[in-house]
Amino acid sequence: MPIRESQEIADVIVVGSGAAGGMAAWNLTRQGARVTLLDAGERFNRAKYWSHVRPWEWRQREARGLHPPEFYLSTAEQPYETPPGRPFDLIRVWGRGGKTNVWGRVALRYSDLNFREPALDGWEIPWPVTYAEMAPYYDRVEQLIGVCGGTDDQPWLPGSKYHLPPPNPRCGEYLIRRAAHRVGVSIVHGRRAVVTREMNGHAKCHFCGACGRGCDIAAFFNSSDYLVDPALATGRLTILDNAVAAEILVGDDGLASGVRYLGRRTRDEHVIRGRRVVVAASCVDSTRLLLNSRGARYPNGIGNSNDVIGRYLCEQIRFHIQAFVPELIGARTQNDDGISGGHIYMPRFVPPGGKGRDYLRGFGMQFWGFGAQAGASFAKRLPGFGVDLKRAIQRRYPALVALHPYGEVLPRRENRITLDETRKDAYGVPLARIDYAPGENERKMAGAMYATCEEILHAAKAEVLPYRRGSLDVSGGAIHEHGTCRMGADPKRSALNKYCQSHEVRNLFVVDGAAFPTATEKNPTLTILANAWRATDYLAAEMSAGRV
């Protein structure tokens, strides 16, 4: 089948439409650039979301052969590999806005301590940017997308004067916060990219608690409504739907000259030309694209002569403990929907004087699944049978609490993404192979994470459901992959400079989580947005100056 080549040359090609790609398209078009955006899917229709479908209605609809929108990419369509005994759950969304259609919305600033920590403890390379450089972009992002949260300002969790009003804690959240305070652990209002009052033309949240199904009124940030649509309105954005990027093309001068892509539905092959390329397809897919962009000039993948791209994959460890708080056992059932997820958050916890701390970095904690919400899966772990079991479930339904700590995994050279040349997907692209596992540092950290959960629940006099101490979620479950195309000051040890520009290929930028040198303990999306804005400001200035 012949390759179809576009005759137009874009100022910038952006690959991916999620948080990073959407921000790149929005920021560059508003500064006058003509951008072509490649999206591996298409726009999701909010009118078809099942946001408010009740459980019994859900079953009835499925019985009639109906289905909710398919957000998540299946491994049948897009497989990947892992070594035996080292599973990795890779969550992907191919469609306008990517994972921001269904993300957890936790919007935390990295702190000055997060940025400086690698330089202080000496593990791997330091961040090439500081909190002072990032803070103005955090401010701008929060004003653009809307982030609700409190007024708390702590060393590990910077505050913001731009937060929207937070939702009140649920009863169980209040009790857990009070118990944590007794043992010296700080718990604050959660920070989420949810609009709690009308802002920038976006409707405010009505607290239905179904954010994970997609928001049918766009009351939480998603790249499609908040960034891509405004970029389209400039008249300077062209979107290529169902365009699966396979390779970044290179000219005789060694610079990126375009992208080869295939139609997701048709499998036909296309080439789009551009003067600059911004990669923002999410960490794993961005890395795969870079590694597959090989030739005589870049035999190890574009911009990868130092063999850094694909290495240093890092994310977070986590686990979950459920319990019942005694004050709410037998209490009247209330509406605990609120914002889907927790209304509270535990910033990085450091024991006084570093007591018992035999590991690097640290952890925070999230809280979701509190109180009377849809489902009662905890019932399977309660003893009893018949009427007595039903009574026990009913009495405990309002009293459920759940703790979900997230701990930083150190970047290691051996944790990496490679390509399997012997197996290819439906588009002829070699499959990604993810070889990743936490190490001894994380095992020690997990012990401290469990100890902190146990201390809080003991202070709450909670009835704890059975759990296995030391167990962790399958790697990848946090959905916060980083590090495989990291930025840094040393071109021998990093792929990008501080502006996410390739050290080797000056018109190539990578602006998603792959660029982060560390994973931290925090959810990354707010920092991805801020960093992509900062990087594309630099790109726009370099374009104006004629240097890129």
Protein backbone atom coordinates (compact mmCIF):
# COMPACT_ATOMS: atom_id res chain seq x y z
CA MET A 1 0.00 0.00 0.00
CA PRO A 2 1.49 3.40 -0.97
CA ILE A 3 2.43 5.91 1.71
CA ARG A 4 0.26 9.03 1.68
CA GLU A 5 2.32 12.14 2.32
CA SER A 6 0.79 15.48 3.24
CA GLN A 7 1.96 18.46 1.21
CA GLU A 8 1.59 20.83 4.16
CA ILE A 9 4.42 21.45 6.60
CA ALA A 10 3.31 22.20 10.14
CA ASP A 11 5.20 24.61 12.36
CA VAL A 12 4.96 21.96 15.09
CA ILE A 13 3.73 18.37 15.16
CA VAL A 14 2.42 17.26 18.56
CA VAL A 15 2.02 13.53 19.21
CA GLY A 16 -0.64 12.88 21.85
CA SER A 17 -3.60 14.86 23.16
CA GLY A 18 -3.53 14.16 26.90
CA ALA A 19 -2.33 16.56 29.59
CA ALA A 20 1.07 17.19 27.99
CA GLY A 21 0.00 17.15 24.33
CA GLY A 22 -3.10 19.22 24.98
CA MET A 23 -1.07 21.83 26.85
CA ALA A 24 1.53 21.93 24.05
CA ALA A 25 -1.15 22.43 21.39
CA TRP A 26 -2.99 25.07 23.43
CA ASN A 27 0.11 27.08 24.34
CA LEU A 28 1.74 27.00 20.91
CA THR A 29 -1.40 27.88 18.93
CA ARG A 30 -2.18 30.84 21.18
CA GLN A 31 1.34 32.11 20.43
CA GLY A 32 0.75 31.91 16.69
CA ALA A 33 2.18 28.52 15.71
CA ARG A 34 0.34 26.27 13.26
CA VAL A 35 0.14 22.90 14.97
CA THR A 36 -0.83 19.45 13.73
CA LEU A 37 -1.85 17.12 16.55
CA LEU A 38 -1.81 13.34 16.13
CA ASP A 39 -4.39 11.55 18.29
CA ALA A 40 -4.42 7.74 18.33
CA GLY A 41 -8.18 7.82 18.97
CA GLU A 42 -10.99 10.30 18.53
CA ARG A 43 -13.15 12.59 20.63
CA PHE A 44 -15.31 10.94 23.29
CA ASN A 45 -18.98 12.00 23.19
CA ARG A 46 -19.92 13.28 26.66
CA ALA A 47 -23.61 12.84 25.85
CA LYS A 48 -23.02 9.08 25.83
CA TYR A 49 -21.28 8.84 29.21
CA TRP A 50 -22.92 6.65 31.84
CA SER A 51 -22.05 9.14 34.57
CA HIS A 52 -25.38 8.89 36.41
CA VAL A 53 -26.43 5.33 35.62
CA ARG A 54 -27.35 3.48 38.82
CA PRO A 55 -26.06 -0.07 39.45
CA TRP A 56 -29.42 -1.71 38.70
CA GLU A 57 -29.84 0.42 35.57
CA TRP A 58 -26.31 -0.52 34.53
CA ARG A 59 -27.20 -4.23 34.66
CA GLN A 60 -30.43 -3.61 32.73
CA ARG A 61 -28.61 -1.69 30.01
CA GLU A 62 -25.96 -4.38 29.61
CA ALA A 63 -28.68 -7.01 29.43
CA ARG A 64 -30.06 -5.08 26.43
CA GLY A 65 -26.64 -5.21 24.76
CA LEU A 66 -25.65 -1.63 25.60
CA HIS A 67 -22.21 -0.62 26.82
CA PRO A 68 -20.59 2.50 28.29
CA PRO A 69 -17.86 4.30 26.34
CA GLU A 70 -14.68 2.24 26.01
CA PHE A 71 -12.06 4.55 27.45
CA TYR A 72 -9.31 2.05 28.14
CA LEU A 73 -7.14 0.58 25.41
CA SER A 74 -7.30 -3.20 25.39
CA THR A 75 -4.17 -5.32 25.33
CA ALA A 76 -5.80 -7.33 22.55
CA GLU A 77 -5.48 -4.30 20.29
CA GLN A 78 -2.18 -3.07 21.71
CA PRO A 79 -0.22 -5.77 23.58
CA TYR A 80 3.04 -5.31 25.45
CA GLU A 81 5.46 -7.69 27.12
CA THR A 82 6.85 -8.22 30.60
CA PRO A 83 9.43 -10.77 31.81
CA PRO A 84 8.19 -13.81 33.76
CA GLY A 85 7.49 -12.95 37.38
CA ARG A 86 7.64 -9.16 36.79
CA PRO A 87 4.10 -8.10 35.79
CA PHE A 88 3.28 -4.50 34.98
CA ASP A 89 -0.23 -3.10 34.57
CA LEU A 90 -0.05 -0.50 31.80
CA ILE A 91 -3.19 1.64 31.62
CA ARG A 92 -3.70 3.56 28.36
CA VAL A 93 -6.50 5.63 26.83
CA TRP A 94 -6.40 6.30 23.10
CA GLY A 95 -8.77 9.18 22.43
CA ARG A 96 -9.01 12.96 22.65
CA GLY A 97 -7.72 13.97 26.06
CA GLY A 98 -6.18 10.57 26.85
CA LYS A 99 -6.28 9.50 30.49
CA THR A 100 -7.50 12.94 31.59
CA ASN A 101 -11.01 11.77 30.66
CA VAL A 102 -11.02 9.35 33.59
CA TRP A 103 -8.09 10.34 35.82
CA GLY A 104 -8.15 10.61 39.61
CA ARG A 105 -7.85 14.42 39.39
CA VAL A 106 -5.37 14.64 42.28
CA ALA A 107 -3.49 17.88 41.58
CA LEU A 108 -0.46 18.28 43.86
CA ARG A 109 2.44 20.64 43.47
CA TYR A 110 5.89 19.11 43.75
CA SER A 111 7.76 20.91 46.50
CA ASP A 112 11.18 22.52 46.56
CA LEU A 113 12.26 19.48 48.58
CA ASN A 114 11.01 17.12 45.85
CA PHE A 115 13.04 18.98 43.22
CA ARG A 116 16.19 19.19 45.37
CA GLU A 117 16.04 15.71 46.92
CA PRO A 118 18.09 13.81 44.28
CA ALA A 119 20.90 16.34 44.58
CA LEU A 120 20.80 16.06 48.38
CA ASP A 121 20.73 12.28 48.70
CA GLY A 122 22.94 11.64 45.64
CA TRP A 123 20.75 8.99 44.03
CA GLU A 124 20.96 9.36 40.23
CA ILE A 125 20.80 12.74 38.51
CA PRO A 126 19.23 15.89 39.99
CA TRP A 127 16.32 17.77 38.52
CA PRO A 128 17.59 20.57 36.26
CA VAL A 129 14.72 22.86 37.34
CA THR A 130 13.76 24.33 40.70
CA TYR A 131 10.48 25.00 42.44
CA ALA A 132 11.08 28.72 41.97
CA GLU A 133 11.14 28.19 38.20
CA MET A 134 8.07 25.96 38.23
CA ALA A 135 5.93 27.93 40.71
CA PRO A 136 4.70 30.61 38.23
CA TYR A 137 3.53 27.84 35.92
CA TYR A 138 1.73 26.06 38.76
CA ASP A 139 -0.04 29.36 39.40
CA ARG A 140 -1.06 29.70 35.77
CA VAL A 141 -2.25 26.12 35.43
CA GLU A 142 -4.39 26.34 38.56
CA GLN A 143 -6.01 29.51 37.28
CA LEU A 144 -6.63 27.93 33.89
CA ILE A 145 -8.07 24.54 34.86
CA GLY A 146 -9.37 25.06 38.40
CA VAL A 147 -7.99 23.15 41.39
CA CYS A 148 -9.94 22.89 44.62
CA GLY A 149 -8.02 22.60 47.87
CA GLY A 150 -7.36 24.19 51.22
CA THR A 151 -5.00 26.92 52.39
CA ASP A 152 -2.44 24.53 53.89
CA ASP A 153 1.21 25.22 53.05
CA GLN A 154 3.80 22.67 54.15
CA PRO A 155 7.43 21.94 53.26
CA TRP A 156 6.45 18.83 51.28
CA LEU A 157 3.20 20.26 49.88
CA PRO A 158 3.30 23.92 48.80
CA GLY A 159 0.12 25.94 49.15
CA SER A 160 -1.59 28.12 46.58
CA LYS A 161 -3.70 31.26 46.69
CA TYR A 162 -5.52 30.09 43.58
CA HIS A 163 -7.27 27.06 45.02
CA LEU A 164 -11.03 26.87 44.67
CA PRO A 165 -13.11 26.00 47.76
CA PRO A 166 -12.62 22.35 48.77
CA PRO A 167 -15.47 19.96 49.54
CA ASN A 168 -16.00 19.25 53.22
CA PRO A 169 -14.54 16.02 54.58
CA ARG A 170 -16.90 13.07 54.86
CA CYS A 171 -17.63 11.85 58.40
CA GLY A 172 -15.13 9.00 58.12
CA GLU A 173 -12.49 11.34 56.69
CA TYR A 174 -12.96 13.70 59.62
CA LEU A 175 -12.47 10.84 62.08
CA ILE A 176 -9.33 9.55 60.32
CA ARG A 177 -7.90 13.07 60.19
CA ARG A 178 -8.53 13.46 63.92
CA ALA A 179 -6.89 10.11 64.68
CA ALA A 180 -3.86 10.96 62.53
CA HIS A 181 -3.47 14.26 64.34
CA ARG A 182 -3.28 12.37 67.64
CA VAL A 183 -0.20 10.49 66.44
CA GLY A 184 1.48 13.51 64.85
CA VAL A 185 0.53 12.87 61.24
CA SER A 186 -0.76 15.84 59.24
CA ILE A 187 -3.78 15.35 56.99
CA VAL A 188 -5.04 18.26 54.91
CA HIS A 189 -7.77 19.06 52.40
CA GLY A 190 -7.29 17.12 49.20
CA ARG A 191 -6.34 18.99 46.05
CA ARG A 192 -8.18 18.02 42.91
CA ALA A 193 -8.68 19.50 39.46
CA VAL A 194 -12.42 19.79 40.03
CA VAL A 195 -14.33 23.03 39.50
CA THR A 196 -16.29 23.68 42.72
CA ARG A 197 -17.59 27.00 41.43
CA GLU A 198 -18.17 28.13 37.86
CA MET A 199 -14.84 29.05 36.29
CA ASN A 200 -13.67 29.99 32.81
CA GLY A 201 -16.98 28.87 31.31
CA HIS A 202 -16.92 25.45 32.97
CA ALA A 203 -19.87 24.26 35.05
CA LYS A 204 -19.26 23.50 38.71
CA CYS A 205 -19.26 19.99 40.11
CA HIS A 206 -22.58 18.68 41.44
CA PHE A 207 -20.90 15.99 43.58
CA CYS A 208 -22.39 12.90 41.93
CA GLY A 209 -19.28 10.89 42.78
CA ALA A 210 -18.95 9.26 39.35
CA CYS A 211 -15.84 10.98 37.98
CA GLY A 212 -14.25 7.69 36.96
CA ARG A 213 -16.92 7.24 34.28
CA GLY A 214 -16.08 10.55 32.63
CA CYS A 215 -17.78 13.83 33.53
CA ASP A 216 -20.74 14.61 31.28
CA ILE A 217 -20.61 18.32 32.19
CA ALA A 218 -16.79 18.64 32.12
CA ALA A 219 -16.62 19.87 35.70
CA PHE A 220 -13.15 18.39 36.14
CA PHE A 221 -10.13 19.09 34.00
CA ASN A 222 -9.78 17.05 30.86
CA SER A 223 -7.45 18.04 28.08
CA SER A 224 -10.10 17.78 25.37
CA ASP A 225 -12.51 20.38 26.77
CA TYR A 226 -10.02 22.61 28.59
CA LEU A 227 -7.11 22.73 26.14
CA VAL A 228 -7.70 21.10 22.76
CA ASP A 229 -11.08 22.74 22.06
CA PRO A 230 -9.71 26.26 22.80
CA ALA A 231 -6.70 25.50 20.60
CA LEU A 232 -9.05 24.47 17.78
CA ALA A 233 -10.91 27.76 18.19
CA THR A 234 -7.75 29.67 17.21
CA GLY A 235 -7.96 28.21 13.69
CA ARG A 236 -4.30 27.18 13.95
CA LEU A 237 -4.76 23.58 15.08
CA THR A 238 -5.28 20.59 12.80
CA ILE A 239 -6.19 17.29 14.47
CA LEU A 240 -5.55 13.93 12.85
CA ASP A 241 -7.84 11.41 14.57
CA ASN A 242 -7.08 7.69 14.78
CA ALA A 243 -3.47 8.44 13.81
CA VAL A 244 -1.12 5.93 15.44
CA ALA A 245 2.39 7.39 15.42
CA ALA A 246 5.02 4.81 14.43
CA GLU A 247 8.22 6.74 13.73
CA ILE A 248 9.76 10.20 13.91
CA LEU A 249 11.38 10.92 10.57
CA VAL A 250 14.82 12.49 10.25
CA GLY A 251 16.23 14.72 7.53
CA ASP A 252 19.74 14.76 6.07
CA ASP A 253 20.65 17.40 8.66
CA GLY A 254 19.84 15.03 11.52
CA LEU A 255 16.81 17.02 12.63
CA ALA A 256 13.29 15.69 13.04
CA SER A 257 11.39 16.32 9.81
CA GLY A 258 8.01 14.68 10.39
CA VAL A 259 6.11 11.67 11.66
CA ARG A 260 5.09 8.45 9.99
CA TYR A 261 1.74 7.21 11.27
CA LEU A 262 -0.90 4.61 10.46
CA GLY A 263 -4.66 4.82 10.43
CA ARG A 264 -6.07 3.02 13.46
CA ARG A 265 -9.13 1.83 11.54
CA THR A 266 -7.71 1.57 8.02
CA ARG A 267 -4.06 0.56 8.62
CA ASP A 268 -3.03 2.82 5.74
CA GLU A 269 0.32 4.57 6.07
CA HIS A 270 0.80 8.36 6.13
CA VAL A 271 3.60 10.88 6.52
CA ILE A 272 3.10 14.36 7.97
CA ARG A 273 5.90 16.91 7.75
CA GLY A 274 6.80 19.47 10.37
CA ARG A 275 9.60 21.81 11.38
CA ARG A 276 9.53 20.68 15.02
CA VAL A 277 8.16 17.62 16.81
CA VAL A 278 6.77 17.53 20.35
CA VAL A 279 6.28 14.04 21.78
CA ALA A 280 3.57 13.74 24.42
CA ALA A 281 2.06 10.27 24.03
CA SER A 282 2.47 9.31 27.73
CA CYS A 283 5.64 7.81 29.12
CA VAL A 284 5.61 4.27 27.72
CA ASP A 285 4.21 5.07 24.27
CA SER A 286 6.48 8.12 23.91
CA THR A 287 9.49 5.97 24.75
CA ARG A 288 8.42 3.28 22.32
CA LEU A 289 8.05 5.88 19.55
CA LEU A 290 11.51 7.32 20.22
CA LEU A 291 13.18 3.90 20.29
CA ASN A 292 11.45 2.89 17.07
CA SER A 293 12.70 6.04 15.30
CA ARG A 294 15.95 4.48 14.12
CA GLY A 295 18.16 4.76 11.11
CA ALA A 296 21.72 5.33 10.01
CA ARG A 297 21.94 8.59 11.96
CA TYR A 298 20.34 7.26 15.15
CA PRO A 299 20.69 3.46 15.21
CA ASN A 300 19.67 3.25 18.88
CA GLY A 301 16.62 5.48 18.50
CA ILE A 302 16.40 9.19 17.84
CA GLY A 303 18.39 11.24 20.36
CA ASN A 304 19.61 8.12 22.14
CA SER A 305 23.32 7.79 21.43
CA ASN A 306 23.97 7.72 25.20
CA ASP A 307 21.54 4.78 25.70
CA VAL A 308 19.46 6.69 28.25
CA ILE A 309 16.07 6.58 26.53
CA GLY A 310 14.05 3.66 27.83
CA ARG A 311 16.05 3.31 31.04
CA TYR A 312 15.35 4.59 34.57
CA LEU A 313 11.64 3.79 34.46
CA CYS A 314 10.16 4.73 37.83
CA GLU A 315 6.71 5.10 39.36
CA GLN A 316 5.26 4.39 42.82
CA ILE A 317 4.45 1.49 45.11
CA ARG A 318 1.09 1.39 46.83
CA PHE A 319 -1.34 -0.83 48.72
CA HIS A 320 -4.76 -0.55 50.33
CA ILE A 321 -6.13 -1.17 53.85
CA GLN A 322 -9.83 -0.99 54.71
CA ALA A 323 -11.37 -0.66 58.16
CA PHE A 324 -14.48 0.50 60.00
CA VAL A 325 -14.49 3.42 62.43
CA PRO A 326 -16.52 2.66 65.58
CA GLU A 327 -18.37 5.99 65.73
CA LEU A 328 -20.13 5.20 62.44
CA ILE A 329 -20.93 1.51 62.91
CA GLY A 330 -24.71 1.35 63.04
CA ALA A 331 -25.06 5.03 62.15
CA ARG A 332 -27.67 6.33 59.74
CA THR A 333 -26.64 6.01 56.09
CA GLN A 334 -25.78 9.35 54.47
CA ASN A 335 -24.90 10.52 50.97
CA ASP A 336 -21.13 10.21 50.86
CA ASP A 337 -20.77 10.68 47.08
CA GLY A 338 -18.99 14.04 47.01
CA ILE A 339 -16.09 14.33 44.60
CA SER A 340 -15.17 10.83 43.48
CA GLY A 341 -12.14 9.93 45.55
CA GLY A 342 -10.87 11.42 48.78
CA HIS A 343 -11.56 14.88 50.17
CA ILE A 344 -8.39 14.66 52.31
CA TYR A 345 -4.69 13.94 51.70
CA MET A 346 -1.65 13.09 53.80
CA PRO A 347 1.46 14.95 52.59
CA ARG A 348 4.89 13.28 52.73
CA PHE A 349 5.29 11.96 56.24
CA VAL A 350 8.69 12.14 57.89
CA PRO A 351 8.86 10.71 61.44
CA PRO A 352 10.26 13.14 64.03
CA GLY A 353 14.03 13.04 63.83
CA GLY A 354 13.79 10.53 60.99
CA LYS A 355 12.95 7.79 63.51
CA GLY A 356 13.14 4.34 61.91
CA ARG A 357 13.89 5.79 58.47
CA ASP A 358 16.33 3.42 56.73
CA TYR A 359 15.31 4.26 53.15
CA LEU A 360 15.60 7.12 50.66
CA ARG A 361 12.71 9.36 49.59
CA GLY A 362 9.25 8.88 51.05
CA PHE A 363 5.49 8.48 50.75
CA GLY A 364 2.18 10.29 50.94
CA MET A 365 -1.31 8.89 51.39
CA GLN A 366 -4.64 9.15 49.64
CA PHE A 367 -8.08 8.23 50.95
CA TRP A 368 -10.96 7.04 48.82
CA GLY A 369 -13.83 4.60 49.20
CA PHE A 370 -15.15 6.13 52.43
CA GLY A 371 -18.64 5.63 53.80
CA ALA A 372 -21.89 4.96 52.01
CA GLN A 373 -20.98 4.80 48.34
CA ALA A 374 -21.76 2.45 45.47
CA GLY A 375 -20.79 -1.12 46.25
CA ALA A 376 -19.94 -3.03 49.39
CA SER A 377 -17.09 -5.28 48.32
CA PHE A 378 -15.86 -5.39 51.92
CA ALA A 379 -18.76 -7.77 52.64
CA LYS A 380 -16.79 -10.68 51.18
CA ARG A 381 -14.28 -10.36 54.02
CA LEU A 382 -16.78 -10.26 56.88
CA PRO A 383 -17.50 -13.45 58.84
CA GLY A 384 -20.98 -14.89 59.18
CA PHE A 385 -23.86 -16.08 57.06
CA GLY A 386 -27.49 -15.28 56.31
CA VAL A 387 -29.40 -12.66 58.30
CA ASP A 388 -26.52 -12.02 60.72
CA LEU A 389 -24.13 -11.32 57.84
CA LYS A 390 -26.61 -8.99 56.16
CA ARG A 391 -27.08 -7.10 59.43
CA ALA A 392 -23.30 -6.80 59.88
CA ILE A 393 -22.90 -5.45 56.34
CA GLN A 394 -25.68 -2.91 56.82
CA ARG A 395 -24.28 -1.69 60.16
CA ARG A 396 -20.77 -1.27 58.74
CA TYR A 397 -21.73 0.27 55.41
CA PRO A 398 -21.54 3.92 56.65
CA ALA A 399 -18.37 3.23 58.67
CA LEU A 400 -15.96 2.13 55.93
CA VAL A 401 -12.61 3.92 55.64
CA ALA A 402 -9.72 3.10 53.32
CA LEU A 403 -6.06 4.13 53.33
CA HIS A 404 -3.98 4.14 50.13
CA PRO A 405 -0.31 5.18 50.60
CA TYR A 406 1.93 5.94 47.60
CA GLY A 407 5.70 5.57 47.91
CA GLU A 408 8.37 6.79 45.51
CA VAL A 409 10.36 4.18 43.58
CA LEU A 410 13.96 5.15 42.90
CA PRO A 411 15.09 5.39 39.26
CA ARG A 412 17.33 2.48 38.34
CA ARG A 413 19.14 1.89 35.07
CA GLU A 414 17.95 -1.73 34.84
CA ASN A 415 14.26 -0.77 35.08
CA ARG A 416 13.60 -0.09 31.45
CA ILE A 417 11.50 -0.22 28.30
CA THR A 418 12.89 -1.92 25.19
CA LEU A 419 11.45 -3.09 21.88
CA ASP A 420 10.86 -6.70 20.90
CA GLU A 421 11.82 -6.88 17.22
CA THR A 422 10.36 -10.37 16.93
CA ARG A 423 6.81 -9.31 17.79
CA LYS A 424 4.90 -6.43 16.25
CA ASP A 425 1.48 -4.90 16.71
CA ALA A 426 -1.21 -4.56 14.05
CA TYR A 427 0.58 -1.48 12.69
CA GLY A 428 3.94 -3.18 12.26
CA VAL A 429 5.53 -1.46 15.27
CA PRO A 430 7.66 -3.63 17.60
CA LEU A 431 6.01 -4.31 20.93
CA ALA A 432 7.18 -2.54 24.06
CA ARG A 433 8.81 -4.77 26.65
CA ILE A 434 8.59 -3.42 30.21
CA ASP A 435 11.20 -4.85 32.57
CA TYR A 436 10.54 -3.28 35.94
CA ALA A 437 10.48 -4.14 39.64
CA PRO A 438 10.79 -2.21 42.92
CA GLY A 439 13.94 -2.78 44.93
CA GLU A 440 15.19 -3.12 48.48
CA ASN A 441 14.72 0.59 49.20
CA GLU A 442 11.04 0.29 48.38
CA ARG A 443 10.69 -2.85 50.51
CA LYS A 444 11.98 -0.90 53.50
CA MET A 445 9.73 2.04 52.68
CA ALA A 446 6.71 -0.26 52.44
CA GLY A 447 7.32 -1.31 56.04
CA ALA A 448 7.12 2.32 57.14
CA MET A 449 4.00 2.83 55.02
CA TYR A 450 2.28 -0.10 56.71
CA ALA A 451 3.39 1.10 60.14
CA THR A 452 1.93 4.55 59.52
CA CYS A 453 -1.41 3.12 58.36
CA GLU A 454 -1.54 0.83 61.39
CA GLU A 455 -0.73 3.67 63.78
CA ILE A 456 -3.51 5.86 62.37
CA LEU A 457 -6.08 3.06 62.44
CA HIS A 458 -5.08 2.08 65.98
CA ALA A 459 -5.55 5.68 67.10
CA ALA A 460 -8.99 5.62 65.46
CA LYS A 461 -9.83 2.38 67.35
CA ALA A 462 -10.82 1.04 63.94
CA GLU A 463 -11.97 -2.49 63.17
CA VAL A 464 -9.45 -3.42 60.48
CA LEU A 465 -10.32 -5.83 57.69
CA PRO A 466 -7.79 -8.64 57.06
CA TYR A 467 -4.70 -7.70 55.00
CA ARG A 468 -1.30 -9.19 54.27
CA ARG A 469 1.49 -6.97 55.55
CA GLY A 470 4.16 -6.35 52.93
CA SER A 471 1.94 -6.97 49.91
CA LEU A 472 1.95 -4.33 47.17
CA ASP A 473 -0.14 -3.61 44.11
CA VAL A 474 1.14 -4.97 40.82
CA SER A 475 3.65 -2.49 39.39
CA GLY A 476 2.04 0.07 37.11
CA GLY A 477 -1.13 0.29 39.16
CA ALA A 478 -0.38 3.84 40.25
CA ILE A 479 -0.45 4.89 36.55
CA HIS A 480 2.40 7.36 37.16
CA GLU A 481 5.26 6.28 34.86
CA HIS A 482 8.35 8.50 34.58
CA GLY A 483 12.03 8.69 33.84
CA THR A 484 12.59 6.98 30.49
CA CYS A 485 13.53 10.14 28.60
CA ARG A 486 14.72 12.22 31.49
CA MET A 487 15.86 15.80 31.49
CA GLY A 488 19.14 16.81 33.08
CA ALA A 489 22.14 19.10 32.84
CA ASP A 490 24.57 16.35 31.81
CA PRO A 491 24.06 15.21 28.17
CA LYS A 492 25.87 11.96 28.96
CA ARG A 493 23.30 10.94 31.56
CA SER A 494 20.09 12.52 30.30
CA ALA A 495 18.18 12.75 27.04
CA LEU A 496 16.74 16.28 27.41
CA ASN A 497 17.82 19.65 28.69
CA LYS A 498 15.87 21.57 31.33
CA TYR A 499 13.33 22.69 28.70
CA CYS A 500 12.59 19.13 27.56
CA GLN A 501 14.58 19.68 24.37
CA SER A 502 16.63 16.76 23.07
CA HIS A 503 20.34 17.21 23.69
CA GLU A 504 21.06 15.72 20.26
CA VAL A 505 18.10 16.82 18.10
CA ARG A 506 17.36 20.45 18.77
CA ASN A 507 13.89 20.48 17.17
CA LEU A 508 12.66 17.47 19.16
CA PHE A 509 10.92 17.93 22.53
CA VAL A 510 9.43 15.38 24.96
CA VAL A 511 7.03 17.00 27.43
CA ASP A 512 5.16 14.21 29.24
CA GLY A 513 6.11 12.27 32.37
CA ALA A 514 8.94 10.48 30.57
CA ALA A 515 10.94 13.70 31.01
CA PHE A 516 10.83 13.60 34.83
CA PRO A 517 14.06 12.40 36.51
CA THR A 518 12.11 11.08 39.53
CA ALA A 519 8.59 9.90 40.30
CA THR A 520 8.23 11.53 43.75
CA GLU A 521 5.38 10.31 45.96
CA LYS A 522 2.87 12.58 44.25
CA ASN A 523 0.42 12.41 41.38
CA PRO A 524 2.21 14.06 38.44
CA THR A 525 -0.48 15.61 36.22
CA LEU A 526 -0.34 19.15 37.63
CA THR A 527 3.45 19.13 37.19
CA ILE A 528 3.17 17.64 33.69
CA LEU A 529 0.87 20.53 32.74
CA ALA A 530 3.11 23.16 34.32
CA ASN A 531 6.26 21.69 32.80
CA ALA A 532 4.72 21.35 29.32
CA TRP A 533 3.62 25.00 29.49
CA ARG A 534 7.14 26.05 30.55
CA ALA A 535 8.81 23.92 27.85
CA THR A 536 6.58 25.17 25.05
CA ASP A 537 7.06 28.77 26.16
CA TYR A 538 10.75 28.12 25.59
CA LEU A 539 10.04 26.45 22.25
CA ALA A 540 7.90 29.38 21.11
CA ALA A 541 10.68 31.83 22.05
CA GLU A 542 13.28 29.74 20.22
CA MET A 543 11.05 29.64 17.15
CA SER A 544 10.66 33.41 17.21
CA ALA A 545 14.43 33.80 17.49
CA GLY A 546 14.99 31.41 14.57
CA ARG A 547 17.08 29.00 16.60
CA VAL A 548 14.71 26.02 16.23
